[in-house]
Amino acid sequence: MVAAVEDLILMKLISERLKDLDDARRLLHRHRGGLDRAYLQPRLAELSEALARPDILQIYEAELS
């Protein structure tokens, strides 16, 4: 089984390691045209709130703008 890029982005963004956050930024930038945003955005919003980590959504939004 292979993880979808959206799931990899989720895993990278919830990490607090700088390397993982940088990887997430690169994945978002590289795959921005093909991401399933309807799947990804609500999950990121939920995780951002549950973990009290507004940076999760900030990184997502910054890379896709």
C-alpha atoms as a PDB file:
ATOM      1  CA  MET A   1       0.000   0.000   0.000  1.00  0.00           C
ATOM      2  CA  VAL A   2       1.253   3.465  -0.877  1.00  0.00           C
ATOM      3  CA  ALA A   3       0.278   6.621   0.995  1.00  0.00           C
ATOM      4  CA  ALA A   4      -1.425   9.335  -1.035  1.00  0.00           C
ATOM      5  CA  VAL A   5       0.452  12.613  -1.209  1.00  0.00           C
ATOM      6  CA  GLU A   6      -2.363  14.251   0.794  1.00  0.00           C
ATOM      7  CA  ASP A   7      -1.842  11.778   3.649  1.00  0.00           C
ATOM      8  CA  LEU A   8       1.903  12.300   3.572  1.00  0.00           C
ATOM      9  CA  ILE A   9       1.349  16.061   3.795  1.00  0.00           C
ATOM     10  CA  LEU A  10      -0.933  15.532   6.800  1.00  0.00           C
ATOM     11  CA  MET A  11       1.698  13.433   8.563  1.00  0.00           C
ATOM     12  CA  LYS A  12       4.470  15.906   7.797  1.00  0.00           C
ATOM     13  CA  LEU A  13       2.463  18.935   8.958  1.00  0.00           C
ATOM     14  CA  ILE A  14       1.528  17.475  12.330  1.00  0.00           C
ATOM     15  CA  SER A  15       5.174  16.800  13.068  1.00  0.00           C
ATOM     16  CA  GLU A  16       7.064  19.528  14.857  1.00  0.00           C
ATOM     17  CA  ARG A  17      10.395  18.638  13.266  1.00  0.00           C
ATOM     18  CA  LEU A  18      11.684  21.388  11.002  1.00  0.00           C
ATOM     19  CA  LYS A  19      12.691  18.818   8.364  1.00  0.00           C
ATOM     20  CA  ASP A  20       9.153  17.425   8.204  1.00  0.00           C
ATOM     21  CA  LEU A  21       7.612  20.892   7.973  1.00  0.00           C
ATOM     22  CA  ASP A  22      10.009  21.763   5.155  1.00  0.00           C
ATOM     23  CA  ASP A  23       9.117  18.487   3.398  1.00  0.00           C
ATOM     24  CA  ALA A  24       5.419  19.375   3.730  1.00  0.00           C
ATOM     25  CA  ARG A  25       6.028  22.799   2.176  1.00  0.00           C
ATOM     26  CA  ARG A  26       7.821  21.204  -0.749  1.00  0.00           C
ATOM     27  CA  LEU A  27       5.111  18.594  -1.265  1.00  0.00           C
ATOM     28  CA  LEU A  28       2.402  21.263  -1.183  1.00  0.00           C
ATOM     29  CA  HIS A  29       4.278  23.412  -3.665  1.00  0.00           C
ATOM     30  CA  ARG A  30       5.105  20.554  -6.029  1.00  0.00           C
ATOM     31  CA  HIS A  31       1.661  18.922  -6.027  1.00  0.00           C
ATOM     32  CA  ARG A  32      -0.552  21.988  -5.575  1.00  0.00           C
ATOM     33  CA  GLY A  33      -2.255  21.547  -8.948  1.00  0.00           C
ATOM     34  CA  GLY A  34      -3.287  17.958  -8.278  1.00  0.00           C
ATOM     35  CA  LEU A  35      -4.112  17.914  -4.576  1.00  0.00           C
ATOM     36  CA  ASP A  36      -7.502  16.773  -3.376  1.00  0.00           C
ATOM     37  CA  ARG A  37      -8.197  19.955  -1.434  1.00  0.00           C
ATOM     38  CA  ALA A  38     -11.720  18.840  -0.522  1.00  0.00           C
ATOM     39  CA  TYR A  39     -10.093  15.953   1.370  1.00  0.00           C
ATOM     40  CA  LEU A  40      -7.053  17.759   2.722  1.00  0.00           C
ATOM     41  CA  GLN A  41      -8.318  21.135   3.966  1.00  0.00           C
ATOM     42  CA  PRO A  42     -10.996  19.888   6.413  1.00  0.00           C
ATOM     43  CA  ARG A  43      -8.592  17.384   7.939  1.00  0.00           C
ATOM     44  CA  LEU A  44      -5.902  20.004   8.343  1.00  0.00           C
ATOM     45  CA  ALA A  45      -8.405  22.381   9.948  1.00  0.00           C
ATOM     46  CA  GLU A  46      -9.488  19.660  12.377  1.00  0.00           C
ATOM     47  CA  LEU A  47      -5.905  18.745  13.280  1.00  0.00           C
ATOM     48  CA  SER A  48      -4.895  22.379  13.602  1.00  0.00           C
ATOM     49  CA  GLU A  49      -7.674  22.968  16.130  1.00  0.00           C
ATOM     50  CA  ALA A  50      -7.265  19.677  18.004  1.00  0.00           C
ATOM     51  CA  LEU A  51      -3.510  20.143  18.388  1.00  0.00           C
ATOM     52  CA  ALA A  52      -3.728  23.904  19.039  1.00  0.00           C
ATOM     53  CA  ARG A  53      -1.344  24.393  16.107  1.00  0.00           C
ATOM     54  CA  PRO A  54      -2.523  27.262  13.895  1.00  0.00           C
ATOM     55  CA  ASP A  55       0.748  26.980  11.986  1.00  0.00           C
ATOM     56  CA  ILE A  56      -0.585  23.838  10.295  1.00  0.00           C
ATOM     57  CA  LEU A  57      -3.221  25.795   8.378  1.00  0.00           C
ATOM     58  CA  GLN A  58      -0.902  28.756   7.901  1.00  0.00           C
ATOM     59  CA  ILE A  59       1.683  26.622   6.118  1.00  0.00           C
ATOM     60  CA  TYR A  60      -1.013  24.978   3.972  1.00  0.00           C
ATOM     61  CA  GLU A  61      -2.562  28.299   2.961  1.00  0.00           C
ATOM     62  CA  ALA A  62       0.784  30.011   2.365  1.00  0.00           C
ATOM     63  CA  GLU A  63       1.999  27.311  -0.001  1.00  0.00           C
ATOM     64  CA  LEU A  64      -1.196  27.233  -2.022  1.00  0.00           C
ATOM     65  CA  SER A  65      -1.618  30.984  -2.463  1.00  0.00           C
END
